[in-house]
PDB file of N, CA and C in Angstrom:
ATOM      1  N   UNK A   1      93.938  84.711 116.456  1.00  0.00           N
ATOM      2  CA  UNK A   1      94.282  85.669 115.380  1.00  0.00           C
ATOM      3  C   UNK A   1      94.259  87.200 116.421  1.00  0.00           C
ATOM      4  N   UNK A   2      95.232  87.886 116.091  1.00  0.00           N
ATOM      5  CA  UNK A   2      95.314  89.260 116.828  1.00  0.00           C
ATOM      6  C   UNK A   2      95.452  90.414 115.896  1.00  0.00           C
ATOM      7  N   UNK A   3      94.792  91.214 115.935  1.00  0.00           N
ATOM      8  CA  UNK A   3      95.029  92.492 115.257  1.00  0.00           C
ATOM      9  C   UNK A   3      95.281  93.686 116.015  1.00  0.00           C
ATOM     10  N   UNK A   4      96.225  94.441 115.436  1.00  0.00           N
ATOM     11  CA  UNK A   4      96.883  95.641 116.197  1.00  0.00           C
ATOM     12  C   UNK A   4      96.739  96.838 115.430  1.00  0.00           C
ATOM     13  N   UNK A   5      96.159  97.763 116.062  1.00  0.00           N
ATOM     14  CA  UNK A   5      95.989  98.988 115.219  1.00  0.00           C
ATOM     15  C   UNK A   5      96.753 100.214 116.050  1.00  0.00           C
ATOM     16  N   UNK A   6      97.735 100.882 115.531  1.00  0.00           N
ATOM     17  CA  UNK A   6      98.319 102.006 116.460  1.00  0.00           C
ATOM     18  C   UNK A   6      97.779 103.395 115.878  1.00  0.00           C
ATOM     19  N   UNK A   7      97.991 104.220 116.753  1.00  0.00           N
ATOM     20  CA  UNK A   7      97.464 105.572 116.362  1.00  0.00           C
ATOM     21  C   UNK A   7      98.295 106.637 117.142  1.00  0.00           C
ATOM     22  N   UNK A   8      98.151 107.901 117.098  1.00  0.00           N
ATOM     23  CA  UNK A   8      98.759 108.858 117.867  1.00  0.00           C
ATOM     24  C   UNK A   8     100.111 109.505 117.348  1.00  0.00           C
ATOM     25  N   UNK A   9     100.757 108.886 116.073  1.00  0.00           N
ATOM     26  CA  UNK A   9     101.707 109.551 115.604  1.00  0.00           C
ATOM     27  C   UNK A   9     101.587 111.001 114.813  1.00  0.00           C
ATOM     28  N   UNK A  10     102.559 111.532 114.477  1.00  0.00           N
ATOM     29  CA  UNK A  10     102.462 112.718 113.966  1.00  0.00           C
ATOM     30  C   UNK A  10     103.732 113.696 113.665  1.00  0.00           C
ATOM     31  N   UNK A  11     103.686 114.947 113.416  1.00  0.00           N
ATOM     32  CA  UNK A  11     104.906 115.820 113.317  1.00  0.00           C
ATOM     33  C   UNK A  11     104.816 116.748 114.702  1.00  0.00           C
ATOM     34  N   UNK A  12     105.931 116.681 115.375  1.00  0.00           N
ATOM     35  CA  UNK A  12     106.160 117.501 116.538  1.00  0.00           C
ATOM     36  C   UNK A  12     107.646 118.022 116.547  1.00  0.00           C
ATOM     37  N   UNK A  13     107.754 119.101 117.303  1.00  0.00           N
ATOM     38  CA  UNK A  13     108.905 119.780 117.514  1.00  0.00           C
ATOM     39  C   UNK A  13     109.835 119.177 118.528  1.00  0.00           C
ATOM     40  N   UNK A  14     111.122 119.198 118.358  1.00  0.00           N
ATOM     41  CA  UNK A  14     112.050 118.728 119.142  1.00  0.00           C
ATOM     42  C   UNK A  14     111.664 119.239 120.554  1.00  0.00           C
ATOM     43  N   UNK A  15     111.874 118.325 121.589  1.00  0.00           N
ATOM     44  CA  UNK A  15     111.368 118.587 122.806  1.00  0.00           C
ATOM     45  C   UNK A  15     109.925 118.408 123.237  1.00  0.00           C
ATOM     46  N   UNK A  16     109.069 118.074 122.283  1.00  0.00           N
ATOM     47  CA  UNK A  16     107.680 117.998 122.465  1.00  0.00           C
ATOM     48  C   UNK A  16     107.360 116.445 122.964  1.00  0.00           C
ATOM     49  N   UNK A  17     106.092 116.216 123.032  1.00  0.00           N
ATOM     50  CA  UNK A  17     105.537 115.009 123.252  1.00  0.00           C
ATOM     51  C   UNK A  17     104.525 114.342 122.410  1.00  0.00           C
ATOM     52  N   UNK A  18     104.302 113.163 122.395  1.00  0.00           N
ATOM     53  CA  UNK A  18     103.422 112.545 121.706  1.00  0.00           C
ATOM     54  C   UNK A  18     102.905 111.201 122.582  1.00  0.00           C
ATOM     55  N   UNK A  19     101.755 110.582 122.532  1.00  0.00           N
ATOM     56  CA  UNK A  19     101.478 109.567 123.111  1.00  0.00           C
ATOM     57  C   UNK A  19     100.896 108.421 122.016  1.00  0.00           C
ATOM     58  N   UNK A  20     101.683 107.425 121.886  1.00  0.00           N
ATOM     59  CA  UNK A  20     101.152 106.361 120.940  1.00  0.00           C
ATOM     60  C   UNK A  20     100.133 105.422 121.518  1.00  0.00           C
ATOM     61  N   UNK A  21      99.180 104.878 120.780  1.00  0.00           N
ATOM     62  CA  UNK A  21      98.279 104.085 121.260  1.00  0.00           C
ATOM     63  C   UNK A  21      98.347 102.816 120.324  1.00  0.00           C
ATOM     64  N   UNK A  22      98.072 101.621 120.825  1.00  0.00           N
ATOM     65  CA  UNK A  22      97.915 100.341 120.090  1.00  0.00           C
ATOM     66  C   UNK A  22      96.779  99.592 120.553  1.00  0.00           C
ATOM     67  N   UNK A  23      95.701  99.614 119.818  1.00  0.00           N
ATOM     68  CA  UNK A  23      94.503  98.958 120.266  1.00  0.00           C
ATOM     69  C   UNK A  23      94.569  97.522 119.622  1.00  0.00           C
ATOM     70  N   UNK A  24      94.307  96.558 120.489  1.00  0.00           N
ATOM     71  CA  UNK A  24      94.369  95.093 120.283  1.00  0.00           C
ATOM     72  C   UNK A  24      93.084  94.335 120.118  1.00  0.00           C
ATOM     73  N   UNK A  25      92.761  93.582 118.971  1.00  0.00           N
ATOM     74  CA  UNK A  25      91.565  92.803 119.213  1.00  0.00           C
ATOM     75  C   UNK A  25      91.843  91.373 119.574  1.00  0.00           C
ATOM     76  N   UNK A  26      90.950  90.559 119.979  1.00  0.00           N
ATOM     77  CA  UNK A  26      91.056  89.311 120.444  1.00  0.00           C
ATOM     78  C   UNK A  26      91.163  89.192 121.864  1.00  0.00           C
ATOM     79  N   UNK A  27      91.014  87.912 122.440  1.00  0.00           N
ATOM     80  CA  UNK A  27      90.646  87.546 123.869  1.00  0.00           C
ATOM     81  C   UNK A  27      92.091  87.440 124.720  1.00  0.00           C
ATOM     82  N   UNK A  28      93.130  87.404 123.857  1.00  0.00           N
ATOM     83  CA  UNK A  28      94.432  87.024 124.453  1.00  0.00           C
ATOM     84  C   UNK A  28      95.327  88.410 124.909  1.00  0.00           C
ATOM     85  N   UNK A  29      94.669  89.460 124.970  1.00  0.00           N
ATOM     86  CA  UNK A  29      95.656  90.591 125.079  1.00  0.00           C
ATOM     87  C   UNK A  29      96.106  90.585 126.626  1.00  0.00           C
ATOM     88  N   UNK A  30      95.261  90.253 127.365  1.00  0.00           N
ATOM     89  CA  UNK A  30      95.656  90.487 128.973  1.00  0.00           C
ATOM     90  C   UNK A  30      96.716  89.394 129.246  1.00  0.00           C
ATOM     91  N   UNK A  31      96.947  88.528 128.452  1.00  0.00           N
ATOM     92  CA  UNK A  31      97.869  87.394 128.771  1.00  0.00           C
ATOM     93  C   UNK A  31      99.092  87.396 127.665  1.00  0.00           C
ATOM     94  N   UNK A  32      99.119  88.635 127.144  1.00  0.00           N
ATOM     95  CA  UNK A  32     100.305  88.834 125.921  1.00  0.00           C
ATOM     96  C   UNK A  32     101.123  90.041 126.358  1.00  0.00           C
ATOM     97  N   UNK A  33     102.401  89.677 126.292  1.00  0.00           N
ATOM     98  CA  UNK A  33     103.552  90.729 126.441  1.00  0.00           C
ATOM     99  C   UNK A  33     103.371  91.609 124.966  1.00  0.00           C
ATOM    100  N   UNK A  34     103.589  92.831 125.473  1.00  0.00           N
ATOM    101  CA  UNK A  34     103.362  93.851 124.237  1.00  0.00           C
ATOM    102  C   UNK A  34     104.835  94.721 124.256  1.00  0.00           C
ATOM    103  N   UNK A  35     104.790  94.997 122.988  1.00  0.00           N
ATOM    104  CA  UNK A  35     106.186  95.993 122.723  1.00  0.00           C
ATOM    105  C   UNK A  35     106.104  96.856 121.660  1.00  0.00           C
ATOM    106  N   UNK A  36     106.870  97.910 121.722  1.00  0.00           N
ATOM    107  CA  UNK A  36     106.996  98.848 120.413  1.00  0.00           C
ATOM    108  C   UNK A  36     108.377  98.698 120.122  1.00  0.00           C
ATOM    109  N   UNK A  37     108.346  98.875 118.809  1.00  0.00           N
ATOM    110  CA  UNK A  37     109.493  98.698 117.853  1.00  0.00           C
ATOM    111  C   UNK A  37     109.602 100.126 116.991  1.00  0.00           C
ATOM    112  N   UNK A  38     110.737 100.543 116.315  1.00  0.00           N
ATOM    113  CA  UNK A  38     110.518 101.544 115.369  1.00  0.00           C
ATOM    114  C   UNK A  38     111.638 101.336 114.287  1.00  0.00           C
ATOM    115  N   UNK A  39     111.453 102.113 113.128  1.00  0.00           N
ATOM    116  CA  UNK A  39     112.152 101.837 112.045  1.00  0.00           C
ATOM    117  C   UNK A  39     112.353 103.106 111.271  1.00  0.00           C
ATOM    118  N   UNK A  40     113.548 103.462 111.291  1.00  0.00           N
ATOM    119  CA  UNK A  40     113.780 105.017 110.607  1.00  0.00           C
ATOM    120  C   UNK A  40     114.310 104.690 109.243  1.00  0.00           C
ATOM    121  N   UNK A  41     114.236 105.455 108.163  1.00  0.00           N
ATOM    122  CA  UNK A  41     114.585 105.402 106.817  1.00  0.00           C
ATOM    123  C   UNK A  41     115.987 104.675 106.732  1.00  0.00           C
ATOM    124  N   UNK A  42     116.101 103.643 105.943  1.00  0.00           N
ATOM    125  CA  UNK A  42     117.387 103.188 105.753  1.00  0.00           C
ATOM    126  C   UNK A  42     118.053 102.343 106.824  1.00  0.00           C
ATOM    127  N   UNK A  43     117.226 102.131 107.842  1.00  0.00           N
ATOM    128  CA  UNK A  43     117.643 101.442 109.119  1.00  0.00           C
ATOM    129  C   UNK A  43     116.945 100.293 109.362  1.00  0.00           C
ATOM    130  N   UNK A  44     117.308  99.237 110.137  1.00  0.00           N
ATOM    131  CA  UNK A  44     116.712  98.224 110.453  1.00  0.00           C
ATOM    132  C   UNK A  44     115.699  98.357 111.681  1.00  0.00           C
ATOM    133  N   UNK A  45     114.648  97.709 111.736  1.00  0.00           N
ATOM    134  CA  UNK A  45     113.717  97.904 112.777  1.00  0.00           C
ATOM    135  C   UNK A  45     114.469  97.501 114.279  1.00  0.00           C
ATOM    136  N   UNK A  46     114.257  98.426 115.082  1.00  0.00           N
ATOM    137  CA  UNK A  46     114.798  98.293 116.301  1.00  0.00           C
ATOM    138  C   UNK A  46     113.678  98.287 117.687  1.00  0.00           C
ATOM    139  N   UNK A  47     114.221  97.636 118.752  1.00  0.00           N
ATOM    140  CA  UNK A  47     113.450  97.516 119.918  1.00  0.00           C
ATOM    141  C   UNK A  47     113.284  98.975 120.509  1.00  0.00           C
ATOM    142  N   UNK A  48     112.057  99.356 121.067  1.00  0.00           N
ATOM    143  CA  UNK A  48     111.993 100.452 121.872  1.00  0.00           C
ATOM    144  C   UNK A  48     111.593 100.253 123.318  1.00  0.00           C
ATOM    145  N   UNK A  49     110.454  99.478 123.615  1.00  0.00           N
ATOM    146  CA  UNK A  49     110.138  99.084 124.923  1.00  0.00           C
ATOM    147  C   UNK A  49     109.180  97.811 124.986  1.00  0.00           C
ATOM    148  N   UNK A  50     109.041  97.331 126.115  1.00  0.00           N
ATOM    149  CA  UNK A  50     108.171  96.088 126.295  1.00  0.00           C
ATOM    150  C   UNK A  50     107.794  96.220 127.529  1.00  0.00           C
ATOM    151  N   UNK A  51     106.604  95.480 127.821  1.00  0.00           N
ATOM    152  CA  UNK A  51     105.809  95.332 128.989  1.00  0.00           C
ATOM    153  C   UNK A  51     105.148  94.044 129.014  1.00  0.00           C
ATOM    154  N   UNK A  52     105.242  93.598 130.250  1.00  0.00           N
ATOM    155  CA  UNK A  52     104.668  92.123 130.566  1.00  0.00           C
ATOM    156  C   UNK A  52     103.207  92.118 130.395  1.00  0.00           C
ATOM    157  N   UNK A  53     102.629  90.927 130.588  1.00  0.00           N
ATOM    158  CA  UNK A  53     101.345  90.809 130.398  1.00  0.00           C
ATOM    159  C   UNK A  53     100.452  91.693 131.534  1.00  0.00           C
ATOM    160  N   UNK A  54     100.922  91.573 132.748  1.00  0.00           N
ATOM    161  CA  UNK A  54     100.377  92.068 133.862  1.00  0.00           C
ATOM    162  C   UNK A  54     100.720  93.497 133.972  1.00  0.00           C
ATOM    163  N   UNK A  55     101.743  94.130 133.180  1.00  0.00           N
ATOM    164  CA  UNK A  55     102.231  95.428 133.248  1.00  0.00           C
ATOM    165  C   UNK A  55     103.055  95.857 134.456  1.00  0.00           C
ATOM    166  N   UNK A  56     103.623  94.711 135.172  1.00  0.00           N
ATOM    167  CA  UNK A  56     104.411  95.039 136.217  1.00  0.00           C
ATOM    168  C   UNK A  56     105.886  94.989 135.983  1.00  0.00           C
ATOM    169  N   UNK A  57     106.121  94.471 134.712  1.00  0.00           N
ATOM    170  CA  UNK A  57     107.558  94.695 134.299  1.00  0.00           C
ATOM    171  C   UNK A  57     107.647  95.307 133.035  1.00  0.00           C
ATOM    172  N   UNK A  58     108.558  96.420 132.879  1.00  0.00           N
ATOM    173  CA  UNK A  58     108.923  97.005 131.751  1.00  0.00           C
ATOM    174  C   UNK A  58     110.349  96.833 131.326  1.00  0.00           C
ATOM    175  N   UNK A  59     110.723  97.258 130.069  1.00  0.00           N
ATOM    176  CA  UNK A  59     111.961  97.093 129.707  1.00  0.00           C
ATOM    177  C   UNK A  59     112.286  98.088 128.516  1.00  0.00           C
ATOM    178  N   UNK A  60     113.565  98.900 128.520  1.00  0.00           N
ATOM    179  CA  UNK A  60     113.762  99.922 127.500  1.00  0.00           C
ATOM    180  C   UNK A  60     114.906  99.760 126.824  1.00  0.00           C
ATOM    181  N   UNK A  61     114.823 100.237 125.723  1.00  0.00           N
ATOM    182  CA  UNK A  61     116.153 100.488 124.888  1.00  0.00           C
ATOM    183  C   UNK A  61     116.734 101.702 125.475  1.00  0.00           C
ATOM    184  N   UNK A  62     118.199 101.631 125.623  1.00  0.00           N
ATOM    185  CA  UNK A  62     118.898 102.608 126.401  1.00  0.00           C
ATOM    186  C   UNK A  62     118.667 104.280 125.684  1.00  0.00           C
ATOM    187  N   UNK A  63     118.338 104.207 124.579  1.00  0.00           N
ATOM    188  CA  UNK A  63     118.005 105.510 123.771  1.00  0.00           C
ATOM    189  C   UNK A  63     116.877 106.045 124.216  1.00  0.00           C
ATOM    190  N   UNK A  64     115.899 105.407 124.854  1.00  0.00           N
ATOM    191  CA  UNK A  64     114.493 106.058 125.133  1.00  0.00           C
ATOM    192  C   UNK A  64     114.410 106.008 126.701  1.00  0.00           C
ATOM    193  N   UNK A  65     115.094 105.110 127.241  1.00  0.00           N
ATOM    194  CA  UNK A  65     115.021 104.995 128.843  1.00  0.00           C
ATOM    195  C   UNK A  65     114.840 106.403 129.467  1.00  0.00           C
ATOM    196  N   UNK A  66     113.931 106.537 130.349  1.00  0.00           N
ATOM    197  CA  UNK A  66     113.562 107.732 131.141  1.00  0.00           C
ATOM    198  C   UNK A  66     112.740 108.750 130.253  1.00  0.00           C
ATOM    199  N   UNK A  67     112.630 108.579 128.859  1.00  0.00           N
ATOM    200  CA  UNK A  67     111.702 109.541 127.963  1.00  0.00           C
ATOM    201  C   UNK A  67     110.669 108.924 127.644  1.00  0.00           C
ATOM    202  N   UNK A  68     110.415 107.618 127.301  1.00  0.00           N
ATOM    203  CA  UNK A  68     109.303 106.872 126.920  1.00  0.00           C
ATOM    204  C   UNK A  68     108.648 105.928 127.657  1.00  0.00           C
ATOM    205  N   UNK A  69     107.948 106.192 128.558  1.00  0.00           N
ATOM    206  CA  UNK A  69     107.491 105.194 129.519  1.00  0.00           C
ATOM    207  C   UNK A  69     106.263 104.497 128.589  1.00  0.00           C
ATOM    208  N   UNK A  70     106.269 103.075 129.046  1.00  0.00           N
ATOM    209  CA  UNK A  70     105.278 102.181 128.243  1.00  0.00           C
ATOM    210  C   UNK A  70     104.378 101.937 129.436  1.00  0.00           C
ATOM    211  N   UNK A  71     103.069 101.785 129.040  1.00  0.00           N
ATOM    212  CA  UNK A  71     101.978 101.117 129.991  1.00  0.00           C
ATOM    213  C   UNK A  71     100.855 100.535 129.142  1.00  0.00           C
ATOM    214  N   UNK A  72      99.844  99.875 130.177  1.00  0.00           N
ATOM    215  CA  UNK A  72      98.881  99.241 129.471  1.00  0.00           C
ATOM    216  C   UNK A  72      97.584  99.383 130.112  1.00  0.00           C
ATOM    217  N   UNK A  73      96.493  99.123 129.357  1.00  0.00           N
ATOM    218  CA  UNK A  73      95.120  99.025 130.135  1.00  0.00           C
ATOM    219  C   UNK A  73      94.577  97.800 129.506  1.00  0.00           C
ATOM    220  N   UNK A  74      94.648  96.748 130.378  1.00  0.00           N
ATOM    221  CA  UNK A  74      94.094  95.397 129.887  1.00  0.00           C
ATOM    222  C   UNK A  74      92.461  95.370 129.815  1.00  0.00           C
ATOM    223  N   UNK A  75      91.765  96.505 130.560  1.00  0.00           N
ATOM    224  CA  UNK A  75      90.286  96.494 130.425  1.00  0.00           C
ATOM    225  C   UNK A  75      90.188  97.146 128.992  1.00  0.00           C
ATOM    226  N   UNK A  76      90.962  97.913 128.487  1.00  0.00           N
ATOM    227  CA  UNK A  76      90.840  98.556 127.138  1.00  0.00           C
ATOM    228  C   UNK A  76      91.438  98.032 126.024  1.00  0.00           C
ATOM    229  N   UNK A  77      92.120  96.900 126.273  1.00  0.00           N
ATOM    230  CA  UNK A  77      92.964  96.020 125.264  1.00  0.00           C
ATOM    231  C   UNK A  77      94.127  97.116 124.567  1.00  0.00           C
ATOM    232  N   UNK A  78      94.600  97.900 125.322  1.00  0.00           N
ATOM    233  CA  UNK A  78      95.422  98.899 124.645  1.00  0.00           C
ATOM    234  C   UNK A  78      96.729  99.035 125.121  1.00  0.00           C
ATOM    235  N   UNK A  79      97.686  99.199 124.702  1.00  0.00           N
ATOM    236  CA  UNK A  79      99.054  99.582 125.152  1.00  0.00           C
ATOM    237  C   UNK A  79      99.554 100.959 124.817  1.00  0.00           C
ATOM    238  N   UNK A  80     100.140 101.760 125.507  1.00  0.00           N
ATOM    239  CA  UNK A  80     100.712 103.175 125.314  1.00  0.00           C
ATOM    240  C   UNK A  80     102.032 103.437 125.299  1.00  0.00           C
ATOM    241  N   UNK A  81     102.553 104.178 124.442  1.00  0.00           N
ATOM    242  CA  UNK A  81     103.939 104.736 124.441  1.00  0.00           C
ATOM    243  C   UNK A  81     103.947 106.272 124.570  1.00  0.00           C
ATOM    244  N   UNK A  82     104.200 106.696 125.926  1.00  0.00           N
ATOM    245  CA  UNK A  82     104.385 108.097 126.010  1.00  0.00           C
ATOM    246  C   UNK A  82     105.666 108.663 125.545  1.00  0.00           C
ATOM    247  N   UNK A  83     105.737 109.333 124.774  1.00  0.00           N
ATOM    248  CA  UNK A  83     107.150 109.962 124.136  1.00  0.00           C
ATOM    249  C   UNK A  83     107.209 111.304 124.671  1.00  0.00           C
ATOM    250  N   UNK A  84     108.188 111.638 125.429  1.00  0.00           N
ATOM    251  CA  UNK A  84     108.566 112.875 125.830  1.00  0.00           C
ATOM    252  C   UNK A  84     109.965 113.256 125.599  1.00  0.00           C
ATOM    253  N   UNK A  85     110.243 114.607 125.587  1.00  0.00           N
ATOM    254  CA  UNK A  85     111.476 115.164 125.268  1.00  0.00           C
ATOM    255  C   UNK A  85     112.135 114.401 123.768  1.00  0.00           C
ATOM    256  N   UNK A  86     111.228 114.549 122.945  1.00  0.00           N
ATOM    257  CA  UNK A  86     111.521 113.935 121.565  1.00  0.00           C
ATOM    258  C   UNK A  86     112.587 114.551 120.977  1.00  0.00           C
ATOM    259  N   UNK A  87     113.239 113.849 120.326  1.00  0.00           N
ATOM    260  CA  UNK A  87     114.558 114.199 119.334  1.00  0.00           C
ATOM    261  C   UNK A  87     114.389 113.900 118.067  1.00  0.00           C
ATOM    262  N   UNK A  88     115.131 114.588 117.232  1.00  0.00           N
ATOM    263  CA  UNK A  88     114.911 114.317 115.700  1.00  0.00           C
ATOM    264  C   UNK A  88     115.332 112.970 115.333  1.00  0.00           C
ATOM    265  N   UNK A  89     116.240 112.370 116.148  1.00  0.00           N
ATOM    266  CA  UNK A  89     116.756 111.016 115.927  1.00  0.00           C
ATOM    267  C   UNK A  89     115.633 109.846 116.365  1.00  0.00           C
ATOM    268  N   UNK A  90     114.599 110.362 116.972  1.00  0.00           N
ATOM    269  CA  UNK A  90     113.353 109.682 117.169  1.00  0.00           C
ATOM    270  C   UNK A  90     112.438 109.571 116.110  1.00  0.00           C
ATOM    271  N   UNK A  91     112.637 110.022 115.048  1.00  0.00           N
ATOM    272  CA  UNK A  91     111.849 109.875 113.823  1.00  0.00           C
ATOM    273  C   UNK A  91     112.048 108.501 113.110  1.00  0.00           C
ATOM    274  N   UNK A  92     110.601 108.083 113.125  1.00  0.00           N
ATOM    275  CA  UNK A  92     110.506 106.648 112.468  1.00  0.00           C
ATOM    276  C   UNK A  92     109.104 106.287 112.433  1.00  0.00           C
ATOM    277  N   UNK A  93     108.980 105.206 111.972  1.00  0.00           N
ATOM    278  CA  UNK A  93     107.614 104.555 111.967  1.00  0.00           C
ATOM    279  C   UNK A  93     107.647 103.610 113.237  1.00  0.00           C
ATOM    280  N   UNK A  94     106.581 103.910 113.960  1.00  0.00           N
ATOM    281  CA  UNK A  94     106.642 102.887 115.173  1.00  0.00           C
ATOM    282  C   UNK A  94     105.699 102.002 114.987  1.00  0.00           C
ATOM    283  N   UNK A  95     105.950 100.654 115.502  1.00  0.00           N
ATOM    284  CA  UNK A  95     105.093  99.476 115.293  1.00  0.00           C
ATOM    285  C   UNK A  95     105.009  98.890 116.656  1.00  0.00           C
ATOM    286  N   UNK A  96     103.637  98.342 116.944  1.00  0.00           N
ATOM    287  CA  UNK A  96     103.379  97.727 118.150  1.00  0.00           C
ATOM    288  C   UNK A  96     103.459  96.264 117.778  1.00  0.00           C
ATOM    289  N   UNK A  97     103.821  95.600 118.757  1.00  0.00           N
ATOM    290  CA  UNK A  97     103.951  93.881 118.616  1.00  0.00           C
ATOM    291  C   UNK A  97     103.175  93.378 119.875  1.00  0.00           C
ATOM    292  N   UNK A  98     102.648  92.268 119.608  1.00  0.00           N
ATOM    293  CA  UNK A  98     101.999  91.337 120.430  1.00  0.00           C
ATOM    294  C   UNK A  98     102.726  89.945 120.419  1.00  0.00           C
ATOM    295  N   UNK A  99     103.080  89.403 121.547  1.00  0.00           N
ATOM    296  CA  UNK A  99     103.545  87.880 121.661  1.00  0.00           C
ATOM    297  C   UNK A  99     102.473  87.205 122.299  1.00  0.00           C
ATOM    298  N   UNK A 100     102.091  86.314 121.422  1.00  0.00           N
ATOM    299  CA  UNK A 100     100.921  85.366 121.838  1.00  0.00           C
ATOM    300  C   UNK A 100     101.451  83.828 121.810  1.00  0.00           C
ATOM    301  N   UNK A 101     101.950  83.436 122.818  1.00  0.00           N
ATOM    302  CA  UNK A 101     102.645  81.977 122.890  1.00  0.00           C
ATOM    303  C   UNK A 101     103.920  82.274 122.082  1.00  0.00           C
ATOM    304  N   UNK A 102     104.202  81.524 121.027  1.00  0.00           N
ATOM    305  CA  UNK A 102     105.343  81.840 120.431  1.00  0.00           C
ATOM    306  C   UNK A 102     105.232  82.583 118.983  1.00  0.00           C
ATOM    307  N   UNK A 103     104.168  83.261 118.807  1.00  0.00           N
ATOM    308  CA  UNK A 103     103.831  83.878 117.748  1.00  0.00           C
ATOM    309  C   UNK A 103     103.765  85.300 117.769  1.00  0.00           C
ATOM    310  N   UNK A 104     104.510  85.964 117.064  1.00  0.00           N
ATOM    311  CA  UNK A 104     104.489  87.493 116.900  1.00  0.00           C
ATOM    312  C   UNK A 104     103.344  88.215 116.033  1.00  0.00           C
ATOM    313  N   UNK A 105     102.566  89.395 116.516  1.00  0.00           N
ATOM    314  CA  UNK A 105     101.737  90.022 115.658  1.00  0.00           C
ATOM    315  C   UNK A 105     102.084  91.234 115.681  1.00  0.00           C
ATOM    316  N   UNK A 106     102.079  91.862 114.551  1.00  0.00           N
ATOM    317  CA  UNK A 106     102.517  93.447 114.302  1.00  0.00           C
ATOM    318  C   UNK A 106     101.342  94.168 113.880  1.00  0.00           C
ATOM    319  N   UNK A 107     101.414  95.477 114.248  1.00  0.00           N
ATOM    320  CA  UNK A 107     100.469  96.485 113.458  1.00  0.00           C
ATOM    321  C   UNK A 107     100.992  97.131 112.204  1.00  0.00           C
ATOM    322  N   UNK A 108     100.239  97.934 111.634  1.00  0.00           N
ATOM    323  CA  UNK A 108     100.630  98.512 110.528  1.00  0.00           C
ATOM    324  C   UNK A 108     101.807  99.794 110.606  1.00  0.00           C
ATOM    325  N   UNK A 109     101.880 100.296 111.940  1.00  0.00           N
ATOM    326  CA  UNK A 109     102.866 101.200 112.184  1.00  0.00           C
ATOM    327  C   UNK A 109     102.135 102.677 112.153  1.00  0.00           C
ATOM    328  N   UNK A 110     102.695 103.544 112.715  1.00  0.00           N
ATOM    329  CA  UNK A 110     102.409 105.049 112.680  1.00  0.00           C
ATOM    330  C   UNK A 110     103.719 105.755 112.818  1.00  0.00           C
ATOM    331  N   UNK A 111     103.511 106.893 111.903  1.00  0.00           N
ATOM    332  CA  UNK A 111     104.707 107.626 111.545  1.00  0.00           C
ATOM    333  C   UNK A 111     104.881 108.817 112.790  1.00  0.00           C
ATOM    334  N   UNK A 112     106.082 108.948 113.183  1.00  0.00           N
ATOM    335  CA  UNK A 112     106.406 109.887 113.888  1.00  0.00           C
ATOM    336  C   UNK A 112     107.597 110.911 113.533  1.00  0.00           C
ATOM    337  N   UNK A 113     107.204 112.092 113.314  1.00  0.00           N
ATOM    338  CA  UNK A 113     108.525 112.719 112.779  1.00  0.00           C
ATOM    339  C   UNK A 113     108.827 113.906 113.640  1.00  0.00           C
ATOM    340  N   UNK A 114     110.015 114.100 113.961  1.00  0.00           N
ATOM    341  CA  UNK A 114     110.464 115.186 115.026  1.00  0.00           C
ATOM    342  C   UNK A 114     111.364 116.108 114.377  1.00  0.00           C
ATOM    343  N   UNK A 115     110.711 117.523 114.322  1.00  0.00           N
ATOM    344  CA  UNK A 115     111.706 118.429 113.654  1.00  0.00           C
ATOM    345  C   UNK A 115     112.478 119.129 114.518  1.00  0.00           C
ATOM    346  N   UNK A 116     113.590 119.720 113.941  1.00  0.00           N
ATOM    347  CA  UNK A 116     114.569 120.407 114.805  1.00  0.00           C
ATOM    348  C   UNK A 116     114.436 121.839 114.959  1.00  0.00           C
TER     349      UNK A 116
END
């Protein structure tokens, strides 16, 4: 069983920055690929970024590439999403996901609101 807790969301003006954190419980974190997704009101949940278990490989949605670097600290069982140059269209609930084997675990989400 893996539990994920996101934090760091909030209200920010366009052009600003936020850093999201996702703290994971369990001993499998360092062997798990981790990802961030988001869901805006009335829209489906979409992929934002993913990082391999080692942290050596990262993948991004085109909409955030160059703005939202993802990173992880396996010693702290935490994955981060640094969000820069935020836009109003980035407003959403952001979710952390862990893939352990063939099973996915999700956090409860953290709200990010970007005002224009």
